[in-house]
Amino acid sequence: MELAVSEHGPEAGVPILVLHGFTGSAQAMEPLSERLAAGLAARVICPDLVGHGRSEVPDDADLYRVEAMAGQVAGLADALELGTFHLAGYSMGGRVALTLGCTAPHRLRSLTLIGASAGIADPAERRRRTEADEARAERIASDFAAFVDEWMADPLFAGQAALGEAHLRAARDQRLASSPAGLARSLATGGTGAMTPLHERLVDCEVPTLLVVGADDSKFCAIADYLGAALPTAAVARIDSAGHAAHVERPDVTAAAIAEFVAGLEARTAGDPAAMPTTVIEAYHAAGVAGVEARTARERDRG
């Protein structure tokens, strides 16, 4: 498997892999990648996932499964000799990241999930979603441009309209630069309905996790609260005035929250307890950054 990769920051910096969502690419994650590299002097690596952007578009549908994509991310880290690394993923990329966290937690220093889920637990709902995704995949094959327009018009992405026409045109062009065959296979085989649900494996994800969610994204706020309670070590960071793509709609605030999270964990790893905040919330919360609320299930339970 050949994956195109974009990098920001110094090669000697702390390694952070950033994974885009469905129809995205490394280009779509640049607002976050550039800010993380600058704020942490980190080596931020963002691949185009299989079938997306400039990466390979294989015929084998199994290579688009979420588990396969997680293996490809681990293989990329091996090829770059990263050792352990921080991993951040948005939406589909978040499902890939969480899969790696559940199956190979020893590979990761931390996990950041932006607008991501653990899949669909209910079999009937999973079947309905799979059928819907297969129909969308056929739409990609029959009229790719129309599909992209319909995808961008989804209410889930309504918050991006405030970013202006130039942003929307660039986002549309970025999506259209991918292979329609690759995106169709990705949606049919690696979509939320097709993936193996992770709910029973969340307890195995013993990785410090930050769950980033736009406060205006009510569906994924509920999912983030569920994941925050189910994962062994997790907190929720709500980004005010943002929807599903918080890293696009409010990149400064989102990047600051993630940078504070990563920096705190690196301080602990370096053995500097004075540099590490003393409470769980402080460890995960971007202190002083307006519009971010970080909570852990344990502290919620304590009231």
C-alpha atoms as a PDB file:
ATOM      1  CA  MET A   1       0.000   0.000   0.000  1.00  0.00           C
ATOM      2  CA  GLU A   2       1.338   3.405  -0.977  1.00  0.00           C
ATOM      3  CA  LEU A   3       0.045   6.390   0.989  1.00  0.00           C
ATOM      4  CA  ALA A   4       0.780  10.004   0.119  1.00  0.00           C
ATOM      5  CA  VAL A   5       1.967  11.910   3.185  1.00  0.00           C
ATOM      6  CA  SER A   6       2.213  15.578   4.118  1.00  0.00           C
ATOM      7  CA  GLU A   7       4.451  16.725   6.964  1.00  0.00           C
ATOM      8  CA  HIS A   8       4.738  19.880   9.045  1.00  0.00           C
ATOM      9  CA  GLY A   9       7.255  20.800  11.718  1.00  0.00           C
ATOM     10  CA  PRO A  10      10.752  19.573  12.587  1.00  0.00           C
ATOM     11  CA  GLU A  11      11.667  15.943  11.974  1.00  0.00           C
ATOM     12  CA  ALA A  12      13.015  15.703  15.524  1.00  0.00           C
ATOM     13  CA  GLY A  13       9.735  16.931  17.042  1.00  0.00           C
ATOM     14  CA  VAL A  14       7.285  14.775  18.977  1.00  0.00           C
ATOM     15  CA  PRO A  15       5.430  12.649  16.372  1.00  0.00           C
ATOM     16  CA  ILE A  16       1.725  13.265  15.805  1.00  0.00           C
ATOM     17  CA  LEU A  17      -0.233  11.444  13.104  1.00  0.00           C
ATOM     18  CA  VAL A  18      -3.404  13.207  11.942  1.00  0.00           C
ATOM     19  CA  LEU A  19      -6.126  11.330  10.026  1.00  0.00           C
ATOM     20  CA  HIS A  20      -8.775  13.015   7.876  1.00  0.00           C
ATOM     21  CA  GLY A  21     -12.431  12.091   7.442  1.00  0.00           C
ATOM     22  CA  PHE A  22     -14.329  10.568   4.521  1.00  0.00           C
ATOM     23  CA  THR A  23     -13.891  12.579   1.284  1.00  0.00           C
ATOM     24  CA  GLY A  24     -11.028  14.455   2.990  1.00  0.00           C
ATOM     25  CA  SER A  25      -7.268  14.394   2.597  1.00  0.00           C
ATOM     26  CA  ALA A  26      -4.152  15.749   4.260  1.00  0.00           C
ATOM     27  CA  GLN A  27      -5.006  19.078   2.642  1.00  0.00           C
ATOM     28  CA  ALA A  28      -8.309  19.225   4.535  1.00  0.00           C
ATOM     29  CA  MET A  29      -6.459  18.761   7.851  1.00  0.00           C
ATOM     30  CA  GLU A  30      -3.882  21.498   7.248  1.00  0.00           C
ATOM     31  CA  PRO A  31      -5.580  24.061   9.535  1.00  0.00           C
ATOM     32  CA  LEU A  32      -5.055  21.635  12.420  1.00  0.00           C
ATOM     33  CA  SER A  33      -1.722  20.139  11.302  1.00  0.00           C
ATOM     34  CA  GLU A  34      -0.039  23.508  10.827  1.00  0.00           C
ATOM     35  CA  ARG A  35      -1.184  24.802  14.207  1.00  0.00           C
ATOM     36  CA  LEU A  36      -0.111  21.666  16.063  1.00  0.00           C
ATOM     37  CA  ALA A  37       3.317  21.771  14.420  1.00  0.00           C
ATOM     38  CA  ALA A  38       3.776  25.439  15.350  1.00  0.00           C
ATOM     39  CA  GLY A  39       2.344  25.210  18.854  1.00  0.00           C
ATOM     40  CA  LEU A  40       4.270  22.114  19.908  1.00  0.00           C
ATOM     41  CA  ALA A  41       7.297  22.220  17.589  1.00  0.00           C
ATOM     42  CA  ALA A  42       5.960  18.761  16.699  1.00  0.00           C
ATOM     43  CA  ARG A  43       6.477  16.547  13.674  1.00  0.00           C
ATOM     44  CA  VAL A  44       2.919  16.357  12.341  1.00  0.00           C
ATOM     45  CA  ILE A  45       2.343  13.679   9.720  1.00  0.00           C
ATOM     46  CA  CYS A  46      -0.912  13.528   7.787  1.00  0.00           C
ATOM     47  CA  PRO A  47      -1.478  10.740   5.245  1.00  0.00           C
ATOM     48  CA  ASP A  48      -4.105  10.575   2.555  1.00  0.00           C
ATOM     49  CA  LEU A  49      -5.944   7.420   3.616  1.00  0.00           C
ATOM     50  CA  VAL A  50      -6.489   4.639   1.088  1.00  0.00           C
ATOM     51  CA  GLY A  51      -8.628   5.740  -1.859  1.00  0.00           C
ATOM     52  CA  HIS A  52      -8.381   9.405  -0.904  1.00  0.00           C
ATOM     53  CA  GLY A  53      -6.309  12.313  -2.204  1.00  0.00           C
ATOM     54  CA  ARG A  54      -3.071  11.215  -3.827  1.00  0.00           C
ATOM     55  CA  SER A  55      -2.897   7.773  -2.223  1.00  0.00           C
ATOM     56  CA  GLU A  56      -3.277   4.422  -3.921  1.00  0.00           C
ATOM     57  CA  VAL A  57      -6.724   3.310  -5.115  1.00  0.00           C
ATOM     58  CA  PRO A  58      -6.572  -0.507  -4.981  1.00  0.00           C
ATOM     59  CA  ASP A  59      -9.313  -2.733  -6.401  1.00  0.00           C
ATOM     60  CA  ASP A  60      -9.358  -4.999  -3.323  1.00  0.00           C
ATOM     61  CA  ALA A  61     -12.288  -3.801  -1.198  1.00  0.00           C
ATOM     62  CA  ASP A  62     -10.845  -5.416   1.931  1.00  0.00           C
ATOM     63  CA  LEU A  63      -8.066  -2.825   1.937  1.00  0.00           C
ATOM     64  CA  TYR A  64     -10.701  -0.154   2.688  1.00  0.00           C
ATOM     65  CA  ARG A  65     -11.981  -1.842   5.848  1.00  0.00           C
ATOM     66  CA  VAL A  66     -11.485   0.220   9.009  1.00  0.00           C
ATOM     67  CA  GLU A  67      -9.267  -2.485  10.499  1.00  0.00           C
ATOM     68  CA  ALA A  68      -7.150  -2.525   7.341  1.00  0.00           C
ATOM     69  CA  MET A  69      -6.779   1.253   7.420  1.00  0.00           C
ATOM     70  CA  ALA A  70      -5.685   1.050  11.066  1.00  0.00           C
ATOM     71  CA  GLY A  71      -3.043  -1.465  10.025  1.00  0.00           C
ATOM     72  CA  GLN A  72      -1.900   0.837   7.236  1.00  0.00           C
ATOM     73  CA  VAL A  73      -1.480   3.694   9.729  1.00  0.00           C
ATOM     74  CA  ALA A  74       0.618   1.445  11.964  1.00  0.00           C
ATOM     75  CA  GLY A  75       2.642   0.404   8.912  1.00  0.00           C
ATOM     76  CA  LEU A  76       3.232   4.045   8.028  1.00  0.00           C
ATOM     77  CA  ALA A  77       4.514   4.712  11.557  1.00  0.00           C
ATOM     78  CA  ASP A  78       6.872   1.747  11.194  1.00  0.00           C
ATOM     79  CA  ALA A  79       8.108   2.953   7.817  1.00  0.00           C
ATOM     80  CA  LEU A  80       8.856   6.380   9.308  1.00  0.00           C
ATOM     81  CA  GLU A  81      10.463   4.769  12.394  1.00  0.00           C
ATOM     82  CA  LEU A  82       8.284   6.785  14.751  1.00  0.00           C
ATOM     83  CA  GLY A  83       8.165   4.342  17.638  1.00  0.00           C
ATOM     84  CA  THR A  84       5.200   5.361  19.790  1.00  0.00           C
ATOM     85  CA  PHE A  85       3.248   8.371  18.593  1.00  0.00           C
ATOM     86  CA  HIS A  86       0.272  10.609  19.283  1.00  0.00           C
ATOM     87  CA  LEU A  87      -2.701   9.889  17.018  1.00  0.00           C
ATOM     88  CA  ALA A  88      -5.548  12.264  16.134  1.00  0.00           C
ATOM     89  CA  GLY A  89      -8.438  11.413  13.836  1.00  0.00           C
ATOM     90  CA  TYR A  90     -11.536  13.180  12.564  1.00  0.00           C
ATOM     91  CA  SER A  91     -14.819  11.370  11.805  1.00  0.00           C
ATOM     92  CA  MET A  92     -13.824   8.352   9.637  1.00  0.00           C
ATOM     93  CA  GLY A  93     -10.205   8.981  10.613  1.00  0.00           C
ATOM     94  CA  GLY A  94     -11.339   8.963  14.228  1.00  0.00           C
ATOM     95  CA  ARG A  95     -12.897   5.529  13.798  1.00  0.00           C
ATOM     96  CA  VAL A  96      -9.615   4.323  12.297  1.00  0.00           C
ATOM     97  CA  ALA A  97      -7.668   5.879  15.178  1.00  0.00           C
ATOM     98  CA  LEU A  98      -9.961   4.369  17.823  1.00  0.00           C
ATOM     99  CA  THR A  99      -9.626   0.959  16.170  1.00  0.00           C
ATOM    100  CA  LEU A 100      -5.845   1.173  16.476  1.00  0.00           C
ATOM    101  CA  GLY A 101      -6.207   2.342  20.068  1.00  0.00           C
ATOM    102  CA  CYS A 102      -8.376  -0.669  20.911  1.00  0.00           C
ATOM    103  CA  THR A 103      -6.239  -3.250  19.093  1.00  0.00           C
ATOM    104  CA  ALA A 104      -2.711  -1.938  19.662  1.00  0.00           C
ATOM    105  CA  PRO A 105      -2.761   0.578  22.541  1.00  0.00           C
ATOM    106  CA  HIS A 106       0.966   0.030  23.157  1.00  0.00           C
ATOM    107  CA  ARG A 107       1.664   1.846  19.878  1.00  0.00           C
ATOM    108  CA  LEU A 108       0.146   5.131  21.031  1.00  0.00           C
ATOM    109  CA  ARG A 109       1.159   7.923  23.403  1.00  0.00           C
ATOM    110  CA  SER A 110      -2.301   9.470  23.185  1.00  0.00           C
ATOM    111  CA  LEU A 111      -5.488   9.465  21.167  1.00  0.00           C
ATOM    112  CA  THR A 112      -7.543  12.473  20.053  1.00  0.00           C
ATOM    113  CA  LEU A 113     -10.917  11.826  18.441  1.00  0.00           C
ATOM    114  CA  ILE A 114     -12.745  14.680  16.702  1.00  0.00           C
ATOM    115  CA  GLY A 115     -16.403  14.003  15.934  1.00  0.00           C
ATOM    116  CA  ALA A 116     -15.856  10.238  15.971  1.00  0.00           C
ATOM    117  CA  SER A 117     -17.808   7.165  17.049  1.00  0.00           C
ATOM    118  CA  ALA A 118     -17.181   3.535  17.956  1.00  0.00           C
ATOM    119  CA  GLY A 119     -19.463   2.301  15.181  1.00  0.00           C
ATOM    120  CA  ILE A 120     -23.086   1.203  15.450  1.00  0.00           C
ATOM    121  CA  ALA A 121     -23.925  -1.389  18.108  1.00  0.00           C
ATOM    122  CA  ASP A 122     -27.507  -2.223  17.084  1.00  0.00           C
ATOM    123  CA  PRO A 123     -27.529  -4.806  14.235  1.00  0.00           C
ATOM    124  CA  ALA A 124     -30.726  -3.492  12.619  1.00  0.00           C
ATOM    125  CA  GLU A 125     -29.481   0.093  12.646  1.00  0.00           C
ATOM    126  CA  ARG A 126     -26.132  -1.098  11.306  1.00  0.00           C
ATOM    127  CA  ARG A 127     -27.870  -2.826   8.386  1.00  0.00           C
ATOM    128  CA  ARG A 128     -29.860   0.312   7.581  1.00  0.00           C
ATOM    129  CA  ARG A 129     -26.705   2.428   7.634  1.00  0.00           C
ATOM    130  CA  THR A 130     -24.861  -0.086   5.442  1.00  0.00           C
ATOM    131  CA  GLU A 131     -27.671  -0.017   2.878  1.00  0.00           C
ATOM    132  CA  ALA A 132     -27.673   3.787   2.897  1.00  0.00           C
ATOM    133  CA  ASP A 133     -23.902   3.922   2.449  1.00  0.00           C
ATOM    134  CA  GLU A 134     -24.030   1.424  -0.411  1.00  0.00           C
ATOM    135  CA  ALA A 135     -26.625   3.623  -2.129  1.00  0.00           C
ATOM    136  CA  ARG A 136     -24.382   6.663  -1.626  1.00  0.00           C
ATOM    137  CA  ALA A 137     -21.465   4.692  -3.057  1.00  0.00           C
ATOM    138  CA  GLU A 138     -23.515   4.039  -6.191  1.00  0.00           C
ATOM    139  CA  ARG A 139     -24.266   7.760  -6.360  1.00  0.00           C
ATOM    140  CA  ILE A 140     -20.533   8.509  -6.255  1.00  0.00           C
ATOM    141  CA  ALA A 141     -19.988   6.170  -9.194  1.00  0.00           C
ATOM    142  CA  SER A 142     -22.857   7.586 -11.242  1.00  0.00           C
ATOM    143  CA  ASP A 143     -22.449  11.340 -10.618  1.00  0.00           C
ATOM    144  CA  PHE A 144     -19.452  12.219  -8.462  1.00  0.00           C
ATOM    145  CA  ALA A 145     -19.864  16.013  -8.598  1.00  0.00           C
ATOM    146  CA  ALA A 146     -23.528  15.799  -7.626  1.00  0.00           C
ATOM    147  CA  PHE A 147     -22.640  13.514  -4.721  1.00  0.00           C
ATOM    148  CA  VAL A 148     -20.020  15.968  -3.440  1.00  0.00           C
ATOM    149  CA  ASP A 149     -22.560  18.794  -3.561  1.00  0.00           C
ATOM    150  CA  GLU A 150     -25.093  16.670  -1.693  1.00  0.00           C
ATOM    151  CA  TRP A 151     -22.477  15.604   0.867  1.00  0.00           C
ATOM    152  CA  MET A 152     -21.433  19.177   1.569  1.00  0.00           C
ATOM    153  CA  ALA A 153     -25.095  20.212   1.927  1.00  0.00           C
ATOM    154  CA  ASP A 154     -25.607  17.726   4.786  1.00  0.00           C
ATOM    155  CA  PRO A 155     -26.731  19.589   7.945  1.00  0.00           C
ATOM    156  CA  LEU A 156     -23.775  17.999   9.734  1.00  0.00           C
ATOM    157  CA  PHE A 157     -21.511  20.454   7.910  1.00  0.00           C
ATOM    158  CA  ALA A 158     -23.775  23.502   8.049  1.00  0.00           C
ATOM    159  CA  GLY A 159     -21.389  25.388  10.330  1.00  0.00           C
ATOM    160  CA  GLN A 160     -18.805  25.641   7.573  1.00  0.00           C
ATOM    161  CA  ALA A 161     -21.018  27.998   5.580  1.00  0.00           C
ATOM    162  CA  ALA A 162     -19.920  30.781   7.922  1.00  0.00           C
ATOM    163  CA  LEU A 163     -16.346  30.357   6.664  1.00  0.00           C
ATOM    164  CA  GLY A 164     -17.307  31.892   3.338  1.00  0.00           C
ATOM    165  CA  GLU A 165     -17.589  31.000  -0.326  1.00  0.00           C
ATOM    166  CA  ALA A 166     -13.835  30.783  -0.890  1.00  0.00           C
ATOM    167  CA  HIS A 167     -13.537  28.089   1.796  1.00  0.00           C
ATOM    168  CA  LEU A 168     -16.483  26.139   0.385  1.00  0.00           C
ATOM    169  CA  ARG A 169     -15.065  26.250  -3.154  1.00  0.00           C
ATOM    170  CA  ALA A 170     -11.672  25.028  -1.914  1.00  0.00           C
ATOM    171  CA  ALA A 171     -13.313  22.256   0.125  1.00  0.00           C
ATOM    172  CA  ARG A 172     -15.317  21.143  -2.909  1.00  0.00           C
ATOM    173  CA  ASP A 173     -12.213  21.128  -5.130  1.00  0.00           C
ATOM    174  CA  GLN A 174     -10.309  19.126  -2.523  1.00  0.00           C
ATOM    175  CA  ARG A 175     -13.024  16.454  -2.465  1.00  0.00           C
ATOM    176  CA  LEU A 176     -13.277  16.297  -6.250  1.00  0.00           C
ATOM    177  CA  ALA A 177      -9.508  15.712  -6.460  1.00  0.00           C
ATOM    178  CA  SER A 178      -9.973  12.237  -4.965  1.00  0.00           C
ATOM    179  CA  SER A 179     -10.805   9.175  -7.028  1.00  0.00           C
ATOM    180  CA  PRO A 180     -14.560   8.497  -7.160  1.00  0.00           C
ATOM    181  CA  ALA A 181     -13.828   4.772  -7.315  1.00  0.00           C
ATOM    182  CA  GLY A 182     -11.691   5.059  -4.173  1.00  0.00           C
ATOM    183  CA  LEU A 183     -14.327   7.020  -2.271  1.00  0.00           C
ATOM    184  CA  ALA A 184     -17.080   4.615  -3.340  1.00  0.00           C
ATOM    185  CA  ARG A 185     -15.117   1.619  -2.069  1.00  0.00           C
ATOM    186  CA  SER A 186     -14.217   3.481   1.113  1.00  0.00           C
ATOM    187  CA  LEU A 187     -17.833   4.299   1.920  1.00  0.00           C
ATOM    188  CA  ALA A 188     -19.199   0.856   1.057  1.00  0.00           C
ATOM    189  CA  THR A 189     -16.490  -1.069   2.937  1.00  0.00           C
ATOM    190  CA  GLY A 190     -15.196   1.340   5.581  1.00  0.00           C
ATOM    191  CA  GLY A 191     -18.362   3.251   6.436  1.00  0.00           C
ATOM    192  CA  THR A 192     -19.874   3.375   9.900  1.00  0.00           C
ATOM    193  CA  GLY A 193     -22.358   0.633   9.096  1.00  0.00           C
ATOM    194  CA  ALA A 194     -19.788  -1.701   7.581  1.00  0.00           C
ATOM    195  CA  MET A 195     -17.200  -1.420  10.368  1.00  0.00           C
ATOM    196  CA  THR A 196     -17.025  -3.904  13.228  1.00  0.00           C
ATOM    197  CA  PRO A 197     -18.403  -2.035  16.264  1.00  0.00           C
ATOM    198  CA  LEU A 198     -15.849  -1.291  18.957  1.00  0.00           C
ATOM    199  CA  HIS A 199     -18.134  -0.847  21.962  1.00  0.00           C
ATOM    200  CA  GLU A 200     -17.087  -4.057  23.698  1.00  0.00           C
ATOM    201  CA  ARG A 201     -13.405  -3.281  23.062  1.00  0.00           C
ATOM    202  CA  LEU A 202     -13.342   0.229  24.477  1.00  0.00           C
ATOM    203  CA  VAL A 203     -12.130  -1.082  27.818  1.00  0.00           C
ATOM    204  CA  ASP A 204      -8.997  -2.337  25.998  1.00  0.00           C
ATOM    205  CA  CYS A 205      -8.100   1.172  24.815  1.00  0.00           C
ATOM    206  CA  GLU A 206      -5.844   2.063  27.721  1.00  0.00           C
ATOM    207  CA  VAL A 207      -4.593   5.205  26.001  1.00  0.00           C
ATOM    208  CA  PRO A 208      -5.092   8.743  27.351  1.00  0.00           C
ATOM    209  CA  THR A 209      -7.864  10.036  25.116  1.00  0.00           C
ATOM    210  CA  LEU A 210      -9.247  13.479  24.346  1.00  0.00           C
ATOM    211  CA  LEU A 211     -12.697  13.557  22.767  1.00  0.00           C
ATOM    212  CA  VAL A 212     -13.129  16.799  20.832  1.00  0.00           C
ATOM    213  CA  VAL A 213     -16.626  17.735  19.730  1.00  0.00           C
ATOM    214  CA  GLY A 214     -18.314  20.869  18.437  1.00  0.00           C
ATOM    215  CA  ALA A 215     -20.900  22.105  20.926  1.00  0.00           C
ATOM    216  CA  ASP A 216     -23.392  22.606  18.075  1.00  0.00           C
ATOM    217  CA  ASP A 217     -23.087  18.952  16.999  1.00  0.00           C
ATOM    218  CA  SER A 218     -25.703  17.448  19.335  1.00  0.00           C
ATOM    219  CA  LYS A 219     -25.471  13.909  17.942  1.00  0.00           C
ATOM    220  CA  PHE A 220     -21.729  13.665  18.449  1.00  0.00           C
ATOM    221  CA  CYS A 221     -21.851  15.477  21.794  1.00  0.00           C
ATOM    222  CA  ALA A 222     -23.924  12.539  23.041  1.00  0.00           C
ATOM    223  CA  ILE A 223     -21.507  10.068  21.430  1.00  0.00           C
ATOM    224  CA  ALA A 224     -18.537  11.849  23.022  1.00  0.00           C
ATOM    225  CA  ASP A 225     -20.171  11.664  26.452  1.00  0.00           C
ATOM    226  CA  TYR A 226     -20.755   7.939  25.945  1.00  0.00           C
ATOM    227  CA  LEU A 227     -17.156   7.338  24.867  1.00  0.00           C
ATOM    228  CA  GLY A 228     -15.870   9.460  27.735  1.00  0.00           C
ATOM    229  CA  ALA A 229     -17.664   7.211  30.195  1.00  0.00           C
ATOM    230  CA  ALA A 230     -16.708   3.951  28.448  1.00  0.00           C
ATOM    231  CA  LEU A 231     -12.996   4.517  27.813  1.00  0.00           C
ATOM    232  CA  PRO A 232     -10.584   3.890  30.709  1.00  0.00           C
ATOM    233  CA  THR A 233      -8.902   7.327  30.566  1.00  0.00           C
ATOM    234  CA  ALA A 234     -10.766   9.969  28.609  1.00  0.00           C
ATOM    235  CA  ALA A 235     -12.113  13.489  28.721  1.00  0.00           C
ATOM    236  CA  VAL A 236     -14.460  15.529  26.561  1.00  0.00           C
ATOM    237  CA  ALA A 237     -13.515  18.943  25.159  1.00  0.00           C
ATOM    238  CA  ARG A 238     -16.474  20.867  23.768  1.00  0.00           C
ATOM    239  CA  ILE A 239     -15.672  23.587  21.274  1.00  0.00           C
ATOM    240  CA  ASP A 240     -18.195  26.420  21.397  1.00  0.00           C
ATOM    241  CA  SER A 241     -19.670  27.808  18.162  1.00  0.00           C
ATOM    242  CA  ALA A 242     -18.543  24.754  16.190  1.00  0.00           C
ATOM    243  CA  GLY A 243     -20.259  21.820  14.552  1.00  0.00           C
ATOM    244  CA  HIS A 244     -19.002  18.452  13.359  1.00  0.00           C
ATOM    245  CA  ALA A 245     -15.702  19.715  11.904  1.00  0.00           C
ATOM    246  CA  ALA A 246     -14.544  21.702  14.930  1.00  0.00           C
ATOM    247  CA  HIS A 247     -10.946  21.687  13.692  1.00  0.00           C
ATOM    248  CA  VAL A 248     -12.069  23.493  10.517  1.00  0.00           C
ATOM    249  CA  GLU A 249     -14.672  25.795  12.005  1.00  0.00           C
ATOM    250  CA  ARG A 250     -12.583  26.876  15.019  1.00  0.00           C
ATOM    251  CA  PRO A 251      -9.031  25.737  14.286  1.00  0.00           C
ATOM    252  CA  ASP A 252      -7.239  27.962  16.816  1.00  0.00           C
ATOM    253  CA  VAL A 253      -9.303  26.817  19.797  1.00  0.00           C
ATOM    254  CA  THR A 254      -9.327  23.173  18.723  1.00  0.00           C
ATOM    255  CA  ALA A 255      -5.575  23.062  18.098  1.00  0.00           C
ATOM    256  CA  ALA A 256      -4.881  24.805  21.418  1.00  0.00           C
ATOM    257  CA  ALA A 257      -6.925  22.210  23.310  1.00  0.00           C
ATOM    258  CA  ILE A 258      -5.143  19.306  21.611  1.00  0.00           C
ATOM    259  CA  ALA A 259      -1.717  20.929  22.031  1.00  0.00           C
ATOM    260  CA  GLU A 260      -2.269  21.423  25.770  1.00  0.00           C
ATOM    261  CA  PHE A 261      -3.342  17.797  26.077  1.00  0.00           C
ATOM    262  CA  VAL A 262      -0.296  16.475  24.211  1.00  0.00           C
ATOM    263  CA  ALA A 263       2.127  18.820  25.985  1.00  0.00           C
ATOM    264  CA  GLY A 264       0.861  17.720  29.385  1.00  0.00           C
ATOM    265  CA  LEU A 265       1.336  14.051  28.549  1.00  0.00           C
ATOM    266  CA  GLU A 266       4.817  14.700  27.176  1.00  0.00           C
ATOM    267  CA  ALA A 267       5.725  16.518  30.398  1.00  0.00           C
ATOM    268  CA  ARG A 268       4.606  13.519  32.426  1.00  0.00           C
ATOM    269  CA  THR A 269       6.605  11.171  30.180  1.00  0.00           C
ATOM    270  CA  ALA A 270       9.679  13.364  30.644  1.00  0.00           C
ATOM    271  CA  GLY A 271       9.369  12.936  34.402  1.00  0.00           C
ATOM    272  CA  ASP A 272       8.642  16.562  35.202  1.00  0.00           C
ATOM    273  CA  PRO A 273       5.734  16.444  37.676  1.00  0.00           C
ATOM    274  CA  ALA A 274       5.913  20.204  38.197  1.00  0.00           C
ATOM    275  CA  ALA A 275       5.083  20.714  34.534  1.00  0.00           C
ATOM    276  CA  MET A 276       2.124  18.348  34.676  1.00  0.00           C
ATOM    277  CA  PRO A 277      -1.203  19.697  36.034  1.00  0.00           C
ATOM    278  CA  THR A 278      -2.373  17.974  39.179  1.00  0.00           C
ATOM    279  CA  THR A 279      -5.958  17.107  38.288  1.00  0.00           C
ATOM    280  CA  VAL A 280      -7.370  15.047  35.472  1.00  0.00           C
ATOM    281  CA  ILE A 281      -9.349  17.973  34.115  1.00  0.00           C
ATOM    282  CA  GLU A 282      -6.322  20.266  34.153  1.00  0.00           C
ATOM    283  CA  ALA A 283      -4.289  17.624  32.365  1.00  0.00           C
ATOM    284  CA  TYR A 284      -6.747  17.482  29.480  1.00  0.00           C
ATOM    285  CA  HIS A 285      -8.110  21.016  29.417  1.00  0.00           C
ATOM    286  CA  ALA A 286      -6.568  23.799  27.364  1.00  0.00           C
ATOM    287  CA  ALA A 287      -6.238  26.164  30.297  1.00  0.00           C
ATOM    288  CA  GLY A 288      -7.485  29.662  29.599  1.00  0.00           C
ATOM    289  CA  VAL A 289      -8.743  28.882  26.091  1.00  0.00           C
ATOM    290  CA  ALA A 290     -12.246  30.285  25.687  1.00  0.00           C
ATOM    291  CA  GLY A 291     -14.975  27.943  24.538  1.00  0.00           C
ATOM    292  CA  VAL A 292     -13.509  24.637  25.701  1.00  0.00           C
ATOM    293  CA  GLU A 293     -15.133  22.508  28.365  1.00  0.00           C
ATOM    294  CA  ALA A 294     -13.239  19.383  29.411  1.00  0.00           C
ATOM    295  CA  ARG A 295     -14.790  16.761  31.605  1.00  0.00           C
ATOM    296  CA  THR A 296     -14.144  13.182  32.655  1.00  0.00           C
ATOM    297  CA  ALA A 297     -16.807  10.627  33.480  1.00  0.00           C
ATOM    298  CA  ARG A 298     -15.267  10.062  36.901  1.00  0.00           C
ATOM    299  CA  GLU A 299     -15.399  13.718  37.847  1.00  0.00           C
ATOM    300  CA  ARG A 300     -18.946  14.050  36.517  1.00  0.00           C
ATOM    301  CA  ASP A 301     -19.957  11.162  38.728  1.00  0.00           C
ATOM    302  CA  ARG A 302     -18.402  12.915  41.737  1.00  0.00           C
ATOM    303  CA  GLY A 303     -20.599  15.927  40.974  1.00  0.00           C
END
